Amino acid sequence: MPIDYTGRQVEISADLRRYTEERLKKIVRLLGEQFDLHVILTAEKHRRIADLTLTFRKHKVVSVEETGDIRTAISGAIEKLSRQSLRLLERRRTTKRRPKPSSAVVLNTLGIGEVEHDEHRIVHSELVPLKPMSIEEAIEALDRSHAGAVVFRNPDSERVNVIYHRPDGHLGLIEPEP
């Protein structure tokens, strides 16, 4: 946790450094020791300004506090930093991470004929677009297509289903378990 100090019209004493590091314990509990901090303390006529820039991971959080006392300004700026970093961590924690929807599925057809049971070979492989459609629409698409199967996304269950011609002349439907 490297901390850089810059003083503008203010002498950065060891006491101010200790005070700042003591107040940073809350942020250290939130973020761990993996952040950089730049503290700029400024003194103007009757006001003291603390400008803190916190950099962690790929984020940069800035807080500025202006009061009559330099210690109060540091405390206020650190409180703002902790609220902002907590909000940023919560936002990251609550965003839903879903896998990207697959837009195509590879359909492999196994060869028919004299093949040993231990050895299977892929005769034909094609890239099939994955479209949302109902079971009735999938049956119509199967009748129109020359392929033996149709892969589609069922809008009711939001899962990938396969409908195919069975050897007995009926249609088969493959649905994954919920």
Protein backbone atom coordinates (compact mmCIF):
# COMPACT_ATOMS: atom_id res chain seq x y z
CA MET A 1 0.00 0.00 0.00
CA PRO A 2 2.24 2.80 -1.19
CA ILE A 3 1.00 6.25 -0.18
CA ASP A 4 2.31 9.33 -1.95
CA TYR A 5 1.96 12.67 -0.17
CA THR A 6 1.94 16.09 -1.76
CA GLY A 7 1.74 19.25 0.34
CA ARG A 8 0.72 22.57 -1.15
CA GLN A 9 1.42 25.30 1.38
CA VAL A 10 1.31 22.54 4.03
CA GLU A 11 4.19 20.78 5.76
CA ILE A 12 3.50 17.01 5.68
CA SER A 13 4.61 15.98 9.16
CA ALA A 14 5.04 12.46 10.49
CA ASP A 15 2.01 13.10 12.70
CA LEU A 16 -0.21 13.81 9.65
CA ARG A 17 1.15 10.70 7.92
CA ARG A 18 0.32 8.54 10.97
CA TYR A 19 -3.14 10.09 11.26
CA THR A 20 -3.87 9.36 7.57
CA GLU A 21 -2.62 5.76 7.81
CA GLU A 22 -4.65 5.21 10.98
CA ARG A 23 -7.81 6.43 9.23
CA LEU A 24 -7.11 4.16 6.23
CA LYS A 25 -7.64 0.98 8.26
CA LYS A 26 -11.28 0.77 7.17
CA ILE A 27 -10.30 0.90 3.50
CA VAL A 28 -7.55 -1.67 4.09
CA ARG A 29 -10.20 -4.01 5.54
CA LEU A 30 -12.35 -3.51 2.42
CA LEU A 31 -9.70 -3.70 -0.28
CA GLY A 32 -6.76 -5.41 1.34
CA GLU A 33 -3.25 -4.08 0.80
CA GLN A 34 -3.57 -4.04 -3.01
CA PHE A 35 -4.11 -0.35 -3.72
CA ASP A 36 -2.20 2.88 -4.29
CA LEU A 37 -3.12 6.18 -2.66
CA HIS A 38 -2.11 9.72 -3.54
CA VAL A 39 -2.85 12.33 -0.87
CA ILE A 40 -2.73 16.04 -1.78
CA LEU A 41 -3.10 18.43 1.15
CA THR A 42 -3.64 22.10 0.36
CA ALA A 43 -3.82 25.12 2.64
CA GLU A 44 -5.50 28.29 1.44
CA LYS A 45 -6.58 31.34 3.39
CA HIS A 46 -9.14 29.91 5.84
CA ARG A 47 -9.71 26.52 4.34
CA ARG A 48 -7.87 23.21 4.22
CA ILE A 49 -8.40 20.81 1.32
CA ALA A 50 -7.67 17.08 1.26
CA ASP A 51 -7.69 15.51 -2.21
CA LEU A 52 -7.31 11.72 -2.17
CA THR A 53 -6.94 9.50 -5.25
CA LEU A 54 -7.26 5.76 -4.67
CA THR A 55 -6.25 3.33 -7.42
CA PHE A 56 -7.10 -0.35 -7.09
CA ARG A 57 -7.42 -3.03 -9.74
CA LYS A 58 -8.53 -1.08 -12.81
CA HIS A 59 -10.52 1.53 -10.90
CA LYS A 60 -9.69 5.04 -9.81
CA VAL A 61 -11.68 6.66 -7.01
CA VAL A 62 -11.26 10.34 -6.14
CA SER A 63 -12.56 12.28 -3.13
CA VAL A 64 -12.10 15.92 -2.17
CA GLU A 65 -12.99 17.38 1.21
CA GLU A 66 -12.73 21.03 2.20
CA THR A 67 -12.96 22.18 5.84
CA GLY A 68 -11.27 24.55 8.26
CA ASP A 69 -9.06 21.86 9.84
CA ILE A 70 -6.67 19.59 7.92
CA ARG A 71 -7.43 16.51 10.05
CA THR A 72 -11.18 16.90 9.55
CA ALA A 73 -10.61 17.25 5.81
CA ILE A 74 -8.54 14.04 5.76
CA SER A 75 -11.20 12.16 7.76
CA GLY A 76 -14.01 13.36 5.50
CA ALA A 77 -12.11 12.49 2.33
CA ILE A 78 -11.30 9.00 3.62
CA GLU A 79 -14.97 8.45 4.54
CA LYS A 80 -15.97 9.42 0.99
CA LEU A 81 -13.35 7.04 -0.40
CA SER A 82 -14.63 4.16 1.71
CA ARG A 83 -18.25 4.78 0.65
CA GLN A 84 -17.28 4.98 -3.03
CA SER A 85 -15.09 1.87 -2.92
CA LEU A 86 -17.79 -0.07 -1.04
CA ARG A 87 -20.35 0.94 -3.66
CA LEU A 88 -17.95 -0.13 -6.42
CA LEU A 89 -17.32 -3.51 -4.79
CA GLU A 90 -21.05 -4.09 -4.24
CA ARG A 91 -21.78 -3.24 -7.86
CA ARG A 92 -19.16 -5.74 -8.96
CA ARG A 93 -20.46 -8.38 -6.56
CA THR A 94 -24.13 -8.02 -7.56
CA THR A 95 -23.76 -7.94 -11.34
CA LYS A 96 -25.00 -11.15 -12.85
CA ARG A 97 -22.38 -13.08 -14.69
CA ARG A 98 -24.03 -15.17 -17.34
CA PRO A 99 -22.32 -17.13 -20.03
CA LYS A 100 -22.57 -15.67 -23.48
CA PRO A 101 -25.44 -17.26 -25.37
CA SER A 102 -24.21 -19.72 -27.92
CA SER A 103 -25.27 -18.69 -31.38
CA ALA A 104 -24.44 -21.94 -33.13
CA VAL A 105 -24.05 -25.61 -32.30
CA VAL A 106 -21.92 -28.13 -34.15
CA LEU A 107 -24.09 -31.05 -35.28
CA ASN A 108 -22.12 -34.24 -35.90
CA THR A 109 -23.60 -37.17 -37.80
CA LEU A 110 -22.17 -40.60 -37.12
CA GLY A 111 -21.60 -42.94 -40.04
CA ILE A 112 -23.88 -45.92 -40.57
CA GLY A 113 -22.43 -49.27 -41.57
CA GLU A 114 -20.02 -51.90 -40.39
CA VAL A 115 -18.13 -50.16 -37.60
CA GLU A 116 -16.66 -51.78 -34.54
CA HIS A 117 -18.25 -50.76 -31.25
CA ASP A 118 -15.03 -49.25 -29.94
CA GLU A 119 -14.51 -47.06 -32.97
CA HIS A 120 -16.89 -44.30 -34.15
CA ARG A 121 -16.15 -41.84 -36.86
CA ILE A 122 -17.75 -38.52 -37.74
CA VAL A 123 -18.96 -38.51 -41.32
CA HIS A 124 -20.34 -35.00 -41.58
CA SER A 125 -20.11 -31.94 -39.37
CA GLU A 126 -21.97 -28.67 -39.89
CA LEU A 127 -22.52 -25.42 -38.03
CA VAL A 128 -26.21 -25.05 -37.19
CA PRO A 129 -27.67 -21.67 -36.14
CA LEU A 130 -29.38 -21.75 -32.77
CA LYS A 131 -32.76 -20.03 -33.10
CA PRO A 132 -35.48 -19.64 -30.51
CA MET A 133 -38.62 -21.49 -31.66
CA SER A 134 -41.47 -23.49 -30.21
CA ILE A 135 -41.73 -27.26 -30.62
CA GLU A 136 -44.35 -26.88 -33.38
CA GLU A 137 -42.08 -24.50 -35.31
CA ALA A 138 -39.18 -26.93 -34.85
CA ILE A 139 -41.29 -29.78 -36.31
CA GLU A 140 -42.10 -27.62 -39.34
CA ALA A 141 -38.40 -26.73 -39.72
CA LEU A 142 -37.50 -30.43 -39.50
CA ASP A 143 -40.00 -31.26 -42.27
CA ARG A 144 -38.52 -28.51 -44.49
CA SER A 145 -34.89 -29.42 -43.86
CA HIS A 146 -32.90 -32.29 -45.29
CA ALA A 147 -31.06 -32.86 -42.01
CA GLY A 148 -32.14 -35.56 -39.64
CA ALA A 149 -32.33 -33.20 -36.67
CA VAL A 150 -33.11 -29.59 -35.73
CA VAL A 151 -31.35 -27.85 -32.84
CA PHE A 152 -33.31 -24.96 -31.32
CA ARG A 153 -33.74 -22.91 -28.14
CA ASN A 154 -37.08 -23.52 -26.47
CA PRO A 155 -38.50 -20.12 -25.34
CA ASP A 156 -40.51 -21.76 -22.54
CA SER A 157 -37.54 -23.35 -20.77
CA GLU A 158 -34.72 -21.17 -22.26
CA ARG A 159 -32.76 -24.38 -22.92
CA VAL A 160 -31.33 -25.97 -26.04
CA ASN A 161 -33.49 -28.81 -27.42
CA VAL A 162 -33.03 -31.23 -30.30
CA ILE A 163 -35.83 -32.76 -32.36
CA TYR A 164 -34.99 -35.65 -34.71
CA HIS A 165 -36.45 -38.45 -36.86
CA ARG A 166 -36.49 -41.81 -35.07
CA PRO A 167 -35.88 -45.08 -36.97
CA ASP A 168 -39.52 -46.15 -36.35
CA GLY A 169 -40.82 -43.10 -38.25
CA HIS A 170 -41.82 -41.00 -35.23
CA LEU A 171 -40.13 -37.83 -33.95
CA GLY A 172 -37.88 -37.73 -30.91
CA LEU A 173 -37.28 -34.72 -28.65
CA ILE A 174 -34.16 -34.31 -26.49
CA GLU A 175 -34.55 -31.89 -23.59
CA PRO A 176 -31.87 -31.29 -20.92
CA GLU A 177 -32.81 -31.73 -17.27
CA PRO A 178 -33.62 -28.52 -15.39
